[in-house]
């Protein structure tokens, strides 16, 4: 139901949604380095498109097609960019 509301209906991610412990980062990071890594990942993704998306199951949604991964990656990144006013 949640996957459908995000990927089919285009509903944005909600505020204050909990972060899964497996992806939580709690140590200090160098902002410029992290930004460079994100930029590189976005460029790789833009070149590869859905075919370049992972085929690993999502920890919450389970199995996802490359097109679903592609859409979810966009939704998730957009959520965080909006969160920080970018």
N, C-alpha and C. Protein backbone atom coordinates (compact mmCIF):
# COMPACT_ATOMS: atom_id res chain seq x y z
N UNK A 1 0.82 -1.19 0.00
CA UNK A 1 0.00 0.00 0.00
C UNK A 1 0.87 1.26 0.00
N UNK A 2 1.92 1.29 0.83
CA UNK A 2 2.80 2.45 0.89
C UNK A 2 3.56 2.59 -0.42
N UNK A 3 4.10 1.47 -0.93
CA UNK A 3 4.84 1.52 -2.19
C UNK A 3 3.94 2.05 -3.30
N UNK A 4 2.71 1.61 -3.35
CA UNK A 4 1.77 2.07 -4.38
C UNK A 4 1.51 3.56 -4.25
N UNK A 5 1.33 4.06 -3.02
CA UNK A 5 1.04 5.49 -2.85
C UNK A 5 2.22 6.35 -3.30
N UNK A 6 3.43 5.84 -3.12
CA UNK A 6 4.62 6.59 -3.54
C UNK A 6 4.86 6.49 -5.04
N UNK A 7 4.86 5.26 -5.55
CA UNK A 7 5.29 5.03 -6.92
C UNK A 7 4.18 5.21 -7.96
N UNK A 8 2.95 4.92 -7.60
CA UNK A 8 1.86 5.01 -8.56
C UNK A 8 1.12 6.34 -8.42
N UNK A 9 0.81 6.70 -7.20
CA UNK A 9 0.05 7.92 -6.97
C UNK A 9 0.93 9.16 -6.86
N UNK A 10 2.24 8.97 -6.68
CA UNK A 10 3.16 10.10 -6.61
C UNK A 10 3.13 10.86 -5.30
N UNK A 11 2.64 10.22 -4.25
CA UNK A 11 2.58 10.86 -2.94
C UNK A 11 4.00 11.05 -2.41
N UNK A 12 4.37 12.24 -1.95
CA UNK A 12 5.72 12.45 -1.44
C UNK A 12 5.93 11.71 -0.11
N UNK A 13 7.19 11.48 0.23
CA UNK A 13 7.49 10.85 1.52
C UNK A 13 7.03 11.77 2.64
N UNK A 14 6.52 11.17 3.69
CA UNK A 14 6.02 11.95 4.82
C UNK A 14 7.14 12.50 5.70
N UNK A 15 6.82 13.52 6.43
CA UNK A 15 7.78 14.10 7.36
C UNK A 15 7.92 13.21 8.58
N UNK A 16 9.11 13.21 9.15
CA UNK A 16 9.41 12.48 10.38
C UNK A 16 9.23 10.98 10.27
N UNK A 17 9.33 10.45 9.06
CA UNK A 17 9.27 8.99 8.91
C UNK A 17 10.53 8.42 9.54
N UNK A 18 10.42 7.31 10.25
CA UNK A 18 11.61 6.75 10.91
C UNK A 18 12.62 6.23 9.89
N UNK A 19 13.89 6.35 10.24
CA UNK A 19 14.98 5.83 9.41
C UNK A 19 15.28 4.41 9.86
N UNK A 20 15.35 3.50 8.91
CA UNK A 20 15.67 2.12 9.22
C UNK A 20 17.09 2.05 9.79
N UNK A 21 17.29 1.29 10.87
CA UNK A 21 18.62 1.22 11.49
C UNK A 21 19.75 0.81 10.53
N UNK A 22 19.44 0.04 9.50
CA UNK A 22 20.49 -0.42 8.60
C UNK A 22 21.04 0.69 7.71
N UNK A 23 20.35 1.81 7.61
CA UNK A 23 20.82 2.91 6.77
C UNK A 23 21.08 4.19 7.57
N UNK A 24 20.96 4.11 8.87
CA UNK A 24 21.20 5.27 9.73
C UNK A 24 22.70 5.54 9.83
N UNK A 25 23.08 6.78 9.66
CA UNK A 25 24.48 7.19 9.79
C UNK A 25 24.58 8.07 11.02
N UNK A 26 25.42 7.65 11.96
CA UNK A 26 25.51 8.38 13.22
C UNK A 26 26.89 8.97 13.48
N UNK A 27 27.86 8.62 12.63
CA UNK A 27 29.19 9.20 12.83
C UNK A 27 29.31 10.52 12.07
N UNK A 28 30.35 11.27 12.36
CA UNK A 28 30.57 12.55 11.68
C UNK A 28 31.07 12.28 10.27
N UNK A 29 30.63 13.10 9.32
CA UNK A 29 31.02 12.98 7.93
C UNK A 29 31.52 14.32 7.42
N UNK A 30 32.40 14.27 6.42
CA UNK A 30 32.88 15.47 5.76
C UNK A 30 31.85 15.85 4.69
N UNK A 31 31.23 17.02 4.85
CA UNK A 31 30.14 17.43 3.97
C UNK A 31 30.57 17.47 2.51
N UNK A 32 31.72 18.07 2.22
CA UNK A 32 32.16 18.20 0.82
C UNK A 32 32.39 16.83 0.18
N UNK A 33 32.97 15.92 0.93
CA UNK A 33 33.19 14.57 0.42
C UNK A 33 31.86 13.87 0.14
N UNK A 34 30.92 13.97 1.07
CA UNK A 34 29.61 13.34 0.90
C UNK A 34 28.85 13.96 -0.28
N UNK A 35 28.96 15.28 -0.43
CA UNK A 35 28.30 15.94 -1.56
C UNK A 35 28.90 15.46 -2.88
N UNK A 36 30.22 15.32 -2.93
CA UNK A 36 30.88 14.84 -4.15
C UNK A 36 30.43 13.41 -4.47
N UNK A 37 30.32 12.57 -3.44
CA UNK A 37 29.86 11.19 -3.66
C UNK A 37 28.42 11.17 -4.17
N UNK A 38 27.57 12.02 -3.61
CA UNK A 38 26.18 12.08 -4.06
C UNK A 38 26.10 12.55 -5.51
N UNK A 39 26.87 13.57 -5.84
CA UNK A 39 26.88 14.07 -7.21
C UNK A 39 27.33 12.98 -8.18
N UNK A 40 28.35 12.24 -7.81
CA UNK A 40 28.84 11.14 -8.65
C UNK A 40 27.76 10.06 -8.80
N UNK A 41 27.09 9.73 -7.71
CA UNK A 41 26.03 8.71 -7.77
C UNK A 41 24.87 9.17 -8.65
N UNK A 42 24.50 10.44 -8.56
CA UNK A 42 23.42 10.97 -9.40
C UNK A 42 23.82 10.89 -10.87
N UNK A 43 25.05 11.27 -11.17
CA UNK A 43 25.52 11.21 -12.56
C UNK A 43 25.54 9.78 -13.09
N UNK A 44 26.01 8.83 -12.28
CA UNK A 44 26.02 7.41 -12.68
C UNK A 44 24.59 6.94 -12.93
N UNK A 45 23.69 7.32 -12.07
CA UNK A 45 22.31 6.91 -12.18
C UNK A 45 21.66 7.51 -13.42
N UNK A 46 21.97 8.78 -13.69
CA UNK A 46 21.41 9.45 -14.87
C UNK A 46 21.87 8.77 -16.14
N UNK A 47 23.11 8.35 -16.19
CA UNK A 47 23.63 7.67 -17.38
C UNK A 47 23.05 6.27 -17.51
N UNK A 48 22.98 5.53 -16.39
CA UNK A 48 22.51 4.14 -16.41
C UNK A 48 21.00 4.00 -16.49
N UNK A 49 20.26 5.01 -16.00
CA UNK A 49 18.80 4.93 -15.98
C UNK A 49 18.30 3.75 -15.17
N UNK A 50 17.06 3.36 -15.35
CA UNK A 50 16.50 2.25 -14.58
C UNK A 50 17.31 0.96 -14.71
N UNK A 51 17.93 0.75 -15.87
CA UNK A 51 18.72 -0.48 -16.06
C UNK A 51 19.93 -0.52 -15.12
N UNK A 52 20.38 0.64 -14.67
CA UNK A 52 21.52 0.70 -13.76
C UNK A 52 21.13 0.59 -12.29
N UNK A 53 19.84 0.50 -12.02
CA UNK A 53 19.36 0.41 -10.64
C UNK A 53 19.65 -0.97 -10.06
N UNK A 54 19.74 -1.01 -8.75
CA UNK A 54 19.99 -2.28 -8.06
C UNK A 54 18.83 -3.25 -8.26
N UNK A 55 19.11 -4.50 -8.07
CA UNK A 55 18.07 -5.52 -8.12
C UNK A 55 17.88 -6.17 -6.74
N UNK A 56 18.58 -5.60 -5.75
CA UNK A 56 18.44 -6.10 -4.38
C UNK A 56 17.08 -5.70 -3.82
N UNK A 57 16.50 -6.53 -2.99
CA UNK A 57 15.22 -6.16 -2.38
C UNK A 57 15.38 -4.94 -1.46
N UNK A 58 14.37 -4.13 -1.40
CA UNK A 58 14.33 -2.99 -0.49
C UNK A 58 14.01 -3.55 0.90
N UNK A 59 14.59 -2.96 1.95
CA UNK A 59 14.38 -3.51 3.29
C UNK A 59 12.93 -3.41 3.75
N UNK A 60 12.15 -2.49 3.20
CA UNK A 60 10.75 -2.32 3.60
C UNK A 60 9.79 -2.79 2.52
N UNK A 61 10.07 -2.42 1.25
CA UNK A 61 9.16 -2.73 0.15
C UNK A 61 9.37 -4.11 -0.44
N UNK A 62 10.50 -4.74 -0.16
CA UNK A 62 10.78 -6.05 -0.73
C UNK A 62 11.26 -5.93 -2.16
N UNK A 63 10.90 -6.92 -2.99
CA UNK A 63 11.35 -6.95 -4.38
C UNK A 63 10.81 -5.73 -5.14
N UNK A 64 11.70 -5.10 -5.90
CA UNK A 64 11.31 -3.94 -6.71
C UNK A 64 11.95 -4.08 -8.08
N UNK A 65 11.23 -3.66 -9.10
CA UNK A 65 11.77 -3.68 -10.45
C UNK A 65 12.77 -2.52 -10.60
N UNK A 66 13.63 -2.57 -11.61
CA UNK A 66 14.52 -1.43 -11.84
C UNK A 66 13.76 -0.11 -12.02
N UNK A 67 12.62 -0.14 -12.68
CA UNK A 67 11.83 1.08 -12.86
C UNK A 67 11.30 1.59 -11.51
N UNK A 68 10.89 0.67 -10.63
CA UNK A 68 10.43 1.08 -9.29
C UNK A 68 11.58 1.66 -8.48
N UNK A 69 12.76 1.01 -8.56
CA UNK A 69 13.94 1.54 -7.86
C UNK A 69 14.28 2.93 -8.38
N UNK A 70 14.20 3.10 -9.68
CA UNK A 70 14.50 4.39 -10.29
C UNK A 70 13.56 5.47 -9.76
N UNK A 71 12.28 5.19 -9.76
CA UNK A 71 11.29 6.16 -9.27
C UNK A 71 11.48 6.42 -7.79
N UNK A 72 11.71 5.37 -7.00
CA UNK A 72 11.86 5.55 -5.57
C UNK A 72 13.13 6.34 -5.23
N UNK A 73 14.20 6.11 -5.98
CA UNK A 73 15.43 6.85 -5.75
C UNK A 73 15.19 8.35 -5.96
N UNK A 74 14.48 8.68 -7.02
CA UNK A 74 14.14 10.08 -7.27
C UNK A 74 13.30 10.65 -6.12
N UNK A 75 12.27 9.93 -5.71
CA UNK A 75 11.37 10.39 -4.64
C UNK A 75 12.15 10.59 -3.35
N UNK A 76 13.02 9.64 -3.03
CA UNK A 76 13.78 9.70 -1.78
C UNK A 76 14.77 10.87 -1.79
N UNK A 77 15.50 11.03 -2.90
CA UNK A 77 16.45 12.14 -3.00
C UNK A 77 15.71 13.47 -2.95
N UNK A 78 14.60 13.58 -3.67
CA UNK A 78 13.80 14.81 -3.64
C UNK A 78 13.35 15.13 -2.23
N UNK A 79 12.96 14.12 -1.48
CA UNK A 79 12.52 14.29 -0.09
C UNK A 79 13.63 14.95 0.73
N UNK A 80 14.85 14.43 0.62
CA UNK A 80 15.94 14.98 1.42
C UNK A 80 16.40 16.34 0.93
N UNK A 81 16.38 16.59 -0.36
CA UNK A 81 16.74 17.90 -0.85
C UNK A 81 15.74 18.95 -0.38
N UNK A 82 14.46 18.60 -0.40
CA UNK A 82 13.44 19.53 0.11
C UNK A 82 13.59 19.73 1.62
N UNK A 83 13.93 18.65 2.32
CA UNK A 83 14.11 18.69 3.77
C UNK A 83 15.16 19.73 4.16
N UNK A 84 16.20 19.84 3.34
CA UNK A 84 17.28 20.78 3.65
C UNK A 84 17.23 22.04 2.82
N UNK A 85 16.10 22.28 2.14
CA UNK A 85 15.90 23.52 1.41
C UNK A 85 16.80 23.69 0.20
N UNK A 86 17.13 22.57 -0.45
CA UNK A 86 18.00 22.64 -1.63
C UNK A 86 17.15 22.71 -2.88
